[in-house]
N, C-alpha and C. Protein backbone atom coordinates (compact mmCIF):
# COMPACT_ATOMS: atom_id res chain seq x y z
N GLY A 1 -8.75 -16.36 26.52
CA GLY A 1 -10.17 -16.39 26.66
C GLY A 1 -10.79 -15.07 26.26
N ARG A 2 -11.98 -14.86 26.78
CA ARG A 2 -12.78 -13.67 26.45
C ARG A 2 -12.08 -12.38 26.87
N TYR A 3 -11.43 -12.39 28.05
CA TYR A 3 -10.75 -11.19 28.54
C TYR A 3 -9.63 -10.78 27.57
N GLN A 4 -8.86 -11.77 27.11
CA GLN A 4 -7.77 -11.48 26.19
C GLN A 4 -8.30 -10.92 24.88
N GLU A 5 -9.41 -11.48 24.39
CA GLU A 5 -10.01 -10.96 23.16
C GLU A 5 -10.46 -9.52 23.34
N ALA A 6 -11.10 -9.24 24.47
CA ALA A 6 -11.56 -7.88 24.75
C ALA A 6 -10.38 -6.93 24.86
N SER A 7 -9.32 -7.39 25.51
CA SER A 7 -8.12 -6.57 25.68
C SER A 7 -7.48 -6.29 24.32
N ALA A 8 -7.39 -7.30 23.48
CA ALA A 8 -6.80 -7.12 22.15
C ALA A 8 -7.64 -6.16 21.32
N LEU A 9 -8.96 -6.29 21.41
CA LEU A 9 -9.85 -5.39 20.67
C LEU A 9 -9.67 -3.96 21.16
N SER A 10 -9.63 -3.78 22.47
CA SER A 10 -9.46 -2.45 23.05
C SER A 10 -8.15 -1.83 22.58
N THR A 11 -7.08 -2.61 22.61
CA THR A 11 -5.78 -2.10 22.16
C THR A 11 -5.84 -1.73 20.68
N ALA A 12 -6.46 -2.57 19.88
CA ALA A 12 -6.57 -2.28 18.44
C ALA A 12 -7.34 -1.00 18.20
N LEU A 13 -8.44 -0.81 18.93
CA LEU A 13 -9.25 0.38 18.71
C LEU A 13 -8.56 1.63 19.23
N HIS A 14 -7.80 1.52 20.33
CA HIS A 14 -7.04 2.68 20.80
C HIS A 14 -5.97 3.05 19.79
N SER A 15 -5.28 2.05 19.22
CA SER A 15 -4.26 2.37 18.23
C SER A 15 -4.91 2.91 16.96
N THR A 16 -6.13 2.49 16.66
CA THR A 16 -6.86 3.03 15.51
C THR A 16 -7.13 4.51 15.72
N SER A 17 -7.59 4.89 16.90
CA SER A 17 -7.85 6.31 17.19
C SER A 17 -6.58 7.12 17.02
N ARG A 18 -5.48 6.62 17.57
CA ARG A 18 -4.20 7.35 17.43
C ARG A 18 -3.81 7.48 15.97
N TRP A 19 -4.00 6.42 15.17
CA TRP A 19 -3.66 6.46 13.75
C TRP A 19 -4.53 7.49 13.03
N VAL A 20 -5.83 7.49 13.30
CA VAL A 20 -6.74 8.46 12.67
C VAL A 20 -6.27 9.88 12.98
N LEU A 21 -5.97 10.16 14.23
CA LEU A 21 -5.54 11.51 14.62
C LEU A 21 -4.22 11.89 13.96
N ARG A 22 -3.29 10.94 13.86
CA ARG A 22 -2.00 11.20 13.18
C ARG A 22 -2.23 11.56 11.71
N VAL A 23 -3.06 10.77 11.04
CA VAL A 23 -3.33 11.02 9.61
C VAL A 23 -4.02 12.37 9.44
N LEU A 24 -4.98 12.69 10.30
CA LEU A 24 -5.68 13.98 10.19
C LEU A 24 -4.71 15.14 10.39
N ARG A 25 -3.77 15.01 11.32
CA ARG A 25 -2.77 16.07 11.52
C ARG A 25 -1.87 16.18 10.30
N ARG A 26 -1.39 15.04 9.82
CA ARG A 26 -0.46 15.03 8.69
C ARG A 26 -1.11 15.61 7.43
N ARG A 27 -2.40 15.39 7.26
CA ARG A 27 -3.10 15.88 6.07
C ARG A 27 -3.66 17.28 6.27
N GLY A 28 -3.39 17.89 7.41
CA GLY A 28 -3.81 19.27 7.64
C GLY A 28 -5.28 19.43 7.98
N VAL A 29 -5.97 18.32 8.25
CA VAL A 29 -7.39 18.40 8.62
C VAL A 29 -7.53 18.82 10.08
N LEU A 30 -6.61 18.37 10.90
CA LEU A 30 -6.61 18.68 12.33
C LEU A 30 -5.43 19.59 12.62
N GLY A 31 -5.66 20.60 13.44
CA GLY A 31 -4.58 21.53 13.77
C GLY A 31 -4.46 22.65 12.76
N ALA A 32 -5.50 22.87 11.96
CA ALA A 32 -5.51 23.97 10.99
C ALA A 32 -5.74 25.28 11.73
N ALA A 33 -5.99 26.34 11.01
CA ALA A 33 -6.15 27.68 11.60
C ALA A 33 -7.12 27.66 12.78
N ALA A 34 -6.75 28.37 13.83
CA ALA A 34 -7.54 28.36 15.07
C ALA A 34 -8.95 28.90 14.86
N ASN A 35 -9.14 29.82 13.91
CA ASN A 35 -10.48 30.41 13.71
C ASN A 35 -11.34 29.57 12.78
N ALA A 36 -10.77 28.51 12.21
CA ALA A 36 -11.54 27.66 11.30
C ALA A 36 -12.53 26.81 12.10
N ARG A 37 -13.61 26.42 11.44
CA ARG A 37 -14.60 25.52 12.05
C ARG A 37 -13.92 24.17 12.30
N PRO A 38 -14.13 23.60 13.48
CA PRO A 38 -13.52 22.29 13.73
C PRO A 38 -14.10 21.25 12.77
N PRO A 39 -13.26 20.38 12.23
CA PRO A 39 -13.77 19.34 11.33
C PRO A 39 -14.81 18.47 12.03
N ALA A 40 -15.89 18.17 11.31
CA ALA A 40 -16.96 17.32 11.84
C ALA A 40 -16.62 15.86 11.55
N LEU A 41 -16.65 15.02 12.59
CA LEU A 41 -16.28 13.62 12.46
C LEU A 41 -17.41 12.75 13.00
N LEU A 42 -17.79 11.75 12.22
CA LEU A 42 -18.78 10.75 12.64
C LEU A 42 -18.03 9.45 12.89
N GLU A 43 -18.10 8.96 14.14
CA GLU A 43 -17.48 7.68 14.46
C GLU A 43 -18.59 6.63 14.59
N VAL A 44 -18.56 5.65 13.71
CA VAL A 44 -19.56 4.59 13.66
C VAL A 44 -19.01 3.36 14.37
N GLY A 45 -19.76 2.86 15.34
CA GLY A 45 -19.30 1.70 16.10
C GLY A 45 -18.30 2.08 17.18
N ALA A 46 -18.48 3.26 17.74
CA ALA A 46 -17.55 3.75 18.77
C ALA A 46 -17.63 2.87 20.02
N VAL A 47 -16.47 2.48 20.53
CA VAL A 47 -16.43 1.69 21.76
C VAL A 47 -15.58 2.37 22.83
N ASN A 48 -14.94 3.48 22.49
CA ASN A 48 -14.22 4.27 23.48
C ASN A 48 -14.41 5.74 23.13
N THR A 49 -13.93 6.61 24.01
CA THR A 49 -14.17 8.05 23.81
C THR A 49 -12.92 8.79 23.35
N GLN A 50 -11.94 8.08 22.83
CA GLN A 50 -10.69 8.74 22.43
C GLN A 50 -10.91 9.83 21.40
N LEU A 51 -11.70 9.56 20.38
CA LEU A 51 -11.93 10.60 19.36
C LEU A 51 -12.82 11.71 19.91
N LEU A 52 -13.78 11.36 20.76
CA LEU A 52 -14.62 12.38 21.40
C LEU A 52 -13.77 13.35 22.23
N GLU A 53 -12.71 12.84 22.81
CA GLU A 53 -11.86 13.66 23.68
C GLU A 53 -10.78 14.42 22.92
N ALA A 54 -10.61 14.14 21.64
CA ALA A 54 -9.56 14.81 20.86
C ALA A 54 -9.90 16.29 20.69
N ARG A 55 -8.92 17.13 20.86
CA ARG A 55 -9.13 18.57 20.67
C ARG A 55 -9.19 18.91 19.20
N GLY A 56 -10.03 19.90 18.88
CA GLY A 56 -10.07 20.41 17.52
C GLY A 56 -10.99 19.66 16.58
N LEU A 57 -11.79 18.73 17.11
CA LEU A 57 -12.74 17.99 16.28
C LEU A 57 -14.14 18.13 16.88
N ALA A 58 -15.15 18.17 16.01
CA ALA A 58 -16.55 18.12 16.45
C ALA A 58 -17.02 16.70 16.17
N VAL A 59 -17.05 15.85 17.19
CA VAL A 59 -17.27 14.42 17.01
C VAL A 59 -18.67 14.01 17.45
N ARG A 60 -19.30 13.20 16.61
CA ARG A 60 -20.52 12.49 16.99
C ARG A 60 -20.16 11.01 16.96
N ALA A 61 -20.21 10.37 18.12
CA ALA A 61 -19.86 8.96 18.23
C ALA A 61 -21.14 8.16 18.46
N ILE A 62 -21.32 7.11 17.64
CA ILE A 62 -22.52 6.28 17.73
C ILE A 62 -22.15 4.80 17.78
N ASP A 63 -23.04 4.03 18.39
CA ASP A 63 -22.91 2.58 18.37
C ASP A 63 -24.29 2.00 18.66
N VAL A 64 -24.63 0.94 17.99
CA VAL A 64 -25.96 0.36 18.12
C VAL A 64 -26.21 -0.19 19.53
N ARG A 65 -25.15 -0.58 20.24
CA ARG A 65 -25.33 -1.17 21.57
C ARG A 65 -24.52 -0.44 22.64
N SER A 66 -24.26 0.81 22.47
CA SER A 66 -23.40 1.52 23.41
C SER A 66 -23.98 1.53 24.82
N SER A 67 -23.08 1.35 25.79
CA SER A 67 -23.48 1.51 27.19
C SER A 67 -22.76 2.71 27.80
N MET A 68 -21.95 3.40 26.99
CA MET A 68 -21.22 4.58 27.47
C MET A 68 -22.08 5.82 27.28
N GLN A 69 -22.10 6.66 28.28
CA GLN A 69 -22.97 7.83 28.28
C GLN A 69 -22.69 8.78 27.10
N ARG A 70 -21.43 8.98 26.75
CA ARG A 70 -21.08 9.96 25.71
C ARG A 70 -21.22 9.41 24.29
N ILE A 71 -21.45 8.12 24.17
CA ILE A 71 -21.62 7.51 22.84
C ILE A 71 -23.11 7.27 22.64
N GLU A 72 -23.66 7.87 21.59
CA GLU A 72 -25.10 7.75 21.33
C GLU A 72 -25.45 6.32 20.93
N ARG A 73 -26.54 5.83 21.47
CA ARG A 73 -27.04 4.51 21.10
C ARG A 73 -27.93 4.70 19.87
N VAL A 74 -27.34 4.53 18.70
CA VAL A 74 -28.02 4.78 17.44
C VAL A 74 -27.59 3.72 16.44
N ASP A 75 -28.53 3.25 15.65
CA ASP A 75 -28.22 2.34 14.54
C ASP A 75 -27.82 3.20 13.34
N PHE A 76 -26.63 2.97 12.82
CA PHE A 76 -26.14 3.73 11.67
C PHE A 76 -27.16 3.77 10.54
N PHE A 77 -27.83 2.66 10.30
CA PHE A 77 -28.78 2.58 9.18
C PHE A 77 -30.03 3.43 9.41
N ASP A 78 -30.23 3.92 10.64
CA ASP A 78 -31.35 4.82 10.92
C ASP A 78 -30.99 6.29 10.74
N LEU A 79 -29.72 6.59 10.55
CA LEU A 79 -29.30 7.98 10.35
C LEU A 79 -29.65 8.44 8.94
N ARG A 80 -30.02 9.69 8.81
CA ARG A 80 -30.29 10.25 7.48
C ARG A 80 -29.03 10.99 7.02
N PRO A 81 -28.36 10.49 5.99
CA PRO A 81 -27.13 11.14 5.52
C PRO A 81 -27.41 12.52 4.94
N GLN A 82 -26.56 13.48 5.30
CA GLN A 82 -26.72 14.84 4.79
C GLN A 82 -25.43 15.39 4.20
N GLY A 83 -24.43 14.53 4.01
CA GLY A 83 -23.18 15.00 3.43
C GLY A 83 -22.53 16.09 4.25
N SER A 84 -22.62 15.98 5.57
CA SER A 84 -22.18 17.08 6.43
C SER A 84 -20.89 16.81 7.20
N TYR A 85 -20.31 15.64 7.05
CA TYR A 85 -19.10 15.31 7.82
C TYR A 85 -17.85 15.45 6.96
N ASP A 86 -16.79 15.92 7.61
CA ASP A 86 -15.48 15.99 6.97
C ASP A 86 -14.77 14.64 7.05
N VAL A 87 -15.11 13.87 8.08
CA VAL A 87 -14.44 12.60 8.36
C VAL A 87 -15.47 11.60 8.89
N VAL A 88 -15.39 10.35 8.41
CA VAL A 88 -16.12 9.26 9.05
C VAL A 88 -15.11 8.17 9.40
N VAL A 89 -15.33 7.55 10.55
CA VAL A 89 -14.46 6.48 11.03
C VAL A 89 -15.34 5.27 11.31
N CYS A 90 -14.96 4.14 10.74
CA CYS A 90 -15.74 2.91 10.89
C CYS A 90 -14.75 1.77 11.12
N ALA A 91 -14.47 1.47 12.38
CA ALA A 91 -13.45 0.47 12.72
C ALA A 91 -14.10 -0.80 13.25
N LEU A 92 -13.80 -1.90 12.59
CA LEU A 92 -14.26 -3.23 13.00
C LEU A 92 -15.77 -3.31 13.12
N VAL A 93 -16.46 -2.71 12.14
CA VAL A 93 -17.92 -2.76 12.08
C VAL A 93 -18.37 -3.51 10.84
N LEU A 94 -17.77 -3.23 9.69
CA LEU A 94 -18.19 -3.89 8.44
C LEU A 94 -18.20 -5.40 8.59
N ASN A 95 -17.21 -5.93 9.29
CA ASN A 95 -17.09 -7.38 9.46
C ASN A 95 -18.19 -7.96 10.36
N CYS A 96 -18.92 -7.11 11.07
CA CYS A 96 -20.01 -7.58 11.95
C CYS A 96 -21.35 -7.67 11.23
N LEU A 97 -21.41 -7.14 10.02
CA LEU A 97 -22.67 -7.14 9.27
C LEU A 97 -22.92 -8.51 8.66
N PRO A 98 -24.20 -8.88 8.48
CA PRO A 98 -24.52 -10.26 8.12
C PRO A 98 -24.16 -10.70 6.71
N ASP A 99 -24.08 -9.76 5.76
CA ASP A 99 -23.83 -10.18 4.39
C ASP A 99 -23.24 -9.05 3.56
N ALA A 100 -22.84 -9.40 2.34
CA ALA A 100 -22.19 -8.44 1.44
C ALA A 100 -23.10 -7.27 1.11
N ALA A 101 -24.40 -7.53 0.98
CA ALA A 101 -25.34 -6.45 0.65
C ALA A 101 -25.36 -5.40 1.77
N ALA A 102 -25.40 -5.86 3.01
CA ALA A 102 -25.39 -4.92 4.15
C ALA A 102 -24.08 -4.16 4.21
N ARG A 103 -22.97 -4.85 3.95
CA ARG A 103 -21.67 -4.16 3.95
C ARG A 103 -21.61 -3.12 2.85
N GLY A 104 -22.15 -3.45 1.68
CA GLY A 104 -22.20 -2.48 0.58
C GLY A 104 -23.06 -1.27 0.92
N ARG A 105 -24.21 -1.52 1.58
CA ARG A 105 -25.07 -0.41 2.01
C ARG A 105 -24.36 0.47 3.03
N MET A 106 -23.60 -0.15 3.91
CA MET A 106 -22.89 0.64 4.91
C MET A 106 -21.82 1.50 4.25
N VAL A 107 -21.04 0.94 3.34
CA VAL A 107 -20.00 1.73 2.66
C VAL A 107 -20.65 2.90 1.91
N ALA A 108 -21.73 2.63 1.19
CA ALA A 108 -22.44 3.71 0.48
C ALA A 108 -22.96 4.75 1.46
N GLY A 109 -23.46 4.30 2.61
CA GLY A 109 -23.96 5.21 3.63
C GLY A 109 -22.86 6.07 4.22
N LEU A 110 -21.70 5.47 4.46
CA LEU A 110 -20.57 6.24 4.98
C LEU A 110 -20.23 7.38 4.02
N VAL A 111 -20.18 7.06 2.73
CA VAL A 111 -19.87 8.07 1.72
C VAL A 111 -20.95 9.15 1.70
N ALA A 112 -22.22 8.76 1.83
CA ALA A 112 -23.32 9.73 1.80
C ALA A 112 -23.26 10.71 2.97
N HIS A 113 -22.60 10.33 4.05
CA HIS A 113 -22.45 11.23 5.21
C HIS A 113 -21.30 12.22 5.01
N LEU A 114 -20.45 11.98 4.03
CA LEU A 114 -19.26 12.82 3.83
C LEU A 114 -19.51 13.98 2.88
N ARG A 115 -18.85 15.09 3.17
CA ARG A 115 -18.76 16.18 2.19
C ARG A 115 -17.86 15.69 1.06
N PRO A 116 -18.00 16.27 -0.15
CA PRO A 116 -17.06 15.91 -1.23
C PRO A 116 -15.62 16.14 -0.76
N GLY A 117 -14.77 15.15 -0.99
CA GLY A 117 -13.38 15.25 -0.56
C GLY A 117 -13.16 14.85 0.88
N GLY A 118 -14.25 14.50 1.60
CA GLY A 118 -14.11 14.08 2.99
C GLY A 118 -13.35 12.77 3.09
N LEU A 119 -12.87 12.49 4.29
CA LEU A 119 -12.05 11.30 4.52
C LEU A 119 -12.84 10.21 5.22
N CYS A 120 -12.66 8.99 4.75
CA CYS A 120 -13.30 7.81 5.32
C CYS A 120 -12.20 6.88 5.82
N PHE A 121 -12.22 6.58 7.11
CA PHE A 121 -11.27 5.65 7.71
C PHE A 121 -11.99 4.34 7.97
N LEU A 122 -11.46 3.27 7.40
CA LEU A 122 -12.03 1.93 7.61
C LEU A 122 -10.98 1.03 8.23
N VAL A 123 -11.40 0.19 9.15
CA VAL A 123 -10.53 -0.84 9.71
C VAL A 123 -11.31 -2.15 9.62
N VAL A 124 -10.68 -3.15 9.00
CA VAL A 124 -11.31 -4.47 8.86
C VAL A 124 -10.27 -5.54 9.20
N PRO A 125 -10.72 -6.65 9.77
CA PRO A 125 -9.78 -7.75 9.99
C PRO A 125 -9.28 -8.28 8.65
N ARG A 126 -7.99 -8.47 8.55
CA ARG A 126 -7.43 -9.00 7.29
C ARG A 126 -8.02 -10.36 6.96
N SER A 127 -8.30 -11.16 7.99
CA SER A 127 -8.83 -12.51 7.75
C SER A 127 -10.17 -12.46 7.02
N CYS A 128 -10.94 -11.39 7.22
CA CYS A 128 -12.24 -11.27 6.54
C CYS A 128 -12.07 -11.05 5.04
N LEU A 129 -10.91 -10.58 4.63
CA LEU A 129 -10.66 -10.36 3.21
C LEU A 129 -9.80 -11.46 2.61
N GLU A 130 -8.85 -11.95 3.38
CA GLU A 130 -7.86 -12.88 2.84
C GLU A 130 -8.25 -14.34 2.98
N ARG A 131 -9.13 -14.65 3.94
CA ARG A 131 -9.52 -16.04 4.15
C ARG A 131 -11.03 -16.19 4.16
N SER A 132 -11.67 -15.49 3.25
CA SER A 132 -13.13 -15.49 3.21
C SER A 132 -13.63 -16.13 1.92
N ALA A 133 -14.68 -16.92 2.04
CA ALA A 133 -15.31 -17.48 0.85
C ALA A 133 -16.20 -16.43 0.18
N ALA A 134 -16.59 -15.41 0.96
CA ALA A 134 -17.55 -14.41 0.47
C ALA A 134 -16.90 -13.27 -0.30
N THR A 135 -15.64 -12.97 -0.02
CA THR A 135 -15.02 -11.83 -0.69
C THR A 135 -13.52 -12.03 -0.82
N THR A 136 -12.90 -11.14 -1.55
CA THR A 136 -11.45 -11.11 -1.73
C THR A 136 -11.00 -9.67 -1.56
N PRO A 137 -9.71 -9.45 -1.35
CA PRO A 137 -9.24 -8.06 -1.28
C PRO A 137 -9.61 -7.26 -2.54
N ALA A 138 -9.51 -7.88 -3.71
CA ALA A 138 -9.84 -7.17 -4.96
C ALA A 138 -11.32 -6.81 -5.01
N ARG A 139 -12.18 -7.72 -4.57
CA ARG A 139 -13.62 -7.45 -4.56
C ARG A 139 -13.96 -6.32 -3.58
N PHE A 140 -13.31 -6.33 -2.43
CA PHE A 140 -13.52 -5.28 -1.43
C PHE A 140 -13.08 -3.93 -2.00
N ASP A 141 -11.91 -3.90 -2.63
CA ASP A 141 -11.43 -2.65 -3.25
C ASP A 141 -12.40 -2.15 -4.31
N ALA A 142 -13.00 -3.07 -5.07
CA ALA A 142 -13.97 -2.69 -6.11
C ALA A 142 -15.22 -2.08 -5.48
N VAL A 143 -15.68 -2.62 -4.35
CA VAL A 143 -16.84 -2.06 -3.63
C VAL A 143 -16.53 -0.62 -3.21
N LEU A 144 -15.33 -0.40 -2.69
CA LEU A 144 -14.94 0.94 -2.26
C LEU A 144 -14.91 1.91 -3.44
N ARG A 145 -14.33 1.47 -4.55
CA ARG A 145 -14.27 2.33 -5.76
C ARG A 145 -15.67 2.65 -6.28
N ARG A 146 -16.54 1.64 -6.34
CA ARG A 146 -17.92 1.87 -6.81
C ARG A 146 -18.65 2.87 -5.94
N ALA A 147 -18.32 2.91 -4.66
CA ALA A 147 -18.95 3.85 -3.73
C ALA A 147 -18.38 5.26 -3.89
N GLY A 148 -17.35 5.41 -4.72
CA GLY A 148 -16.76 6.73 -4.94
C GLY A 148 -15.59 7.04 -4.03
N LEU A 149 -15.01 6.02 -3.43
CA LEU A 149 -13.87 6.22 -2.54
C LEU A 149 -12.55 5.95 -3.26
N VAL A 150 -11.58 6.80 -2.98
CA VAL A 150 -10.25 6.67 -3.56
C VAL A 150 -9.26 6.44 -2.42
N GLU A 151 -8.47 5.40 -2.52
CA GLU A 151 -7.53 5.08 -1.45
C GLU A 151 -6.40 6.11 -1.39
N LEU A 152 -6.17 6.63 -0.19
CA LEU A 152 -5.07 7.56 0.05
C LEU A 152 -3.94 6.89 0.83
N GLU A 153 -4.31 6.10 1.81
CA GLU A 153 -3.31 5.43 2.65
C GLU A 153 -3.82 4.06 3.04
N ARG A 154 -2.87 3.13 3.17
CA ARG A 154 -3.17 1.75 3.58
C ARG A 154 -2.11 1.34 4.58
N ARG A 155 -2.56 0.79 5.69
CA ARG A 155 -1.63 0.30 6.71
C ARG A 155 -2.11 -1.07 7.14
N ALA A 156 -1.24 -2.05 7.04
CA ALA A 156 -1.61 -3.41 7.43
C ALA A 156 -0.79 -3.84 8.64
N THR A 157 -1.47 -4.35 9.64
CA THR A 157 -0.81 -4.99 10.77
C THR A 157 -1.05 -6.49 10.56
N PRO A 158 -0.46 -7.34 11.38
CA PRO A 158 -0.71 -8.78 11.16
C PRO A 158 -2.19 -9.15 11.14
N ARG A 159 -3.03 -8.43 11.90
CA ARG A 159 -4.45 -8.80 11.98
C ARG A 159 -5.40 -7.84 11.29
N LEU A 160 -5.01 -6.59 11.13
CA LEU A 160 -5.95 -5.57 10.66
C LEU A 160 -5.46 -4.84 9.42
N LEU A 161 -6.43 -4.39 8.63
CA LEU A 161 -6.16 -3.51 7.50
C LEU A 161 -6.79 -2.16 7.82
N HIS A 162 -5.97 -1.10 7.82
CA HIS A 162 -6.43 0.27 8.05
C HIS A 162 -6.40 0.99 6.72
N LEU A 163 -7.50 1.62 6.35
CA LEU A 163 -7.58 2.38 5.10
C LEU A 163 -8.02 3.80 5.38
N CYS A 164 -7.36 4.74 4.71
CA CYS A 164 -7.82 6.13 4.68
C CYS A 164 -8.19 6.39 3.22
N LEU A 165 -9.44 6.76 2.99
CA LEU A 165 -9.96 6.95 1.64
C LEU A 165 -10.59 8.33 1.54
N ALA A 166 -10.64 8.85 0.32
CA ALA A 166 -11.28 10.15 0.09
C ALA A 166 -12.55 9.95 -0.72
N ALA A 167 -13.58 10.70 -0.37
CA ALA A 167 -14.85 10.66 -1.10
C ALA A 167 -14.77 11.60 -2.29
N GLY A 168 -15.27 11.15 -3.41
CA GLY A 168 -15.33 12.01 -4.58
C GLY A 168 -14.00 12.23 -5.26
N GLY A 169 -13.03 11.40 -4.93
CA GLY A 169 -11.75 11.45 -5.63
C GLY A 169 -10.85 12.60 -5.25
N ALA A 170 -11.15 13.32 -4.18
CA ALA A 170 -10.30 14.46 -3.80
C ALA A 170 -9.02 13.99 -3.16
């Protein structure tokens, strides 16, 4: 029922946070020189505070319907992109948007928030790509490329596709 769905979602998002932190450490973005400025991370659609609590990151976590005090209640589409983030994380949000145009605007917006060479982490249900009348994996990859994202890492679980992409081809 609903509890099991919520539990599965919570587990997926917790494992997503752990994966993001692992990739950031492995790529030298997290845990770099102690005197360096902490990497700025924008988490879109935040439902837990795991990334907010991670050491060594300057995190802004937003969600359009957040009820958690530390997560700002902000609509991503109302933010003015300034290319100021080193990392953006958008897990299980693209699939909630009403149509391909909105999803395309969100991907372009995520890129606009990144510094050149910044990292974009996306998580989408595989079923939205593999069993959809509206899109295909190839079409989704083309949207990402058109937005200026280059795939660095891909991890697929039975239900989810995790992508780490770089802005501007870095």
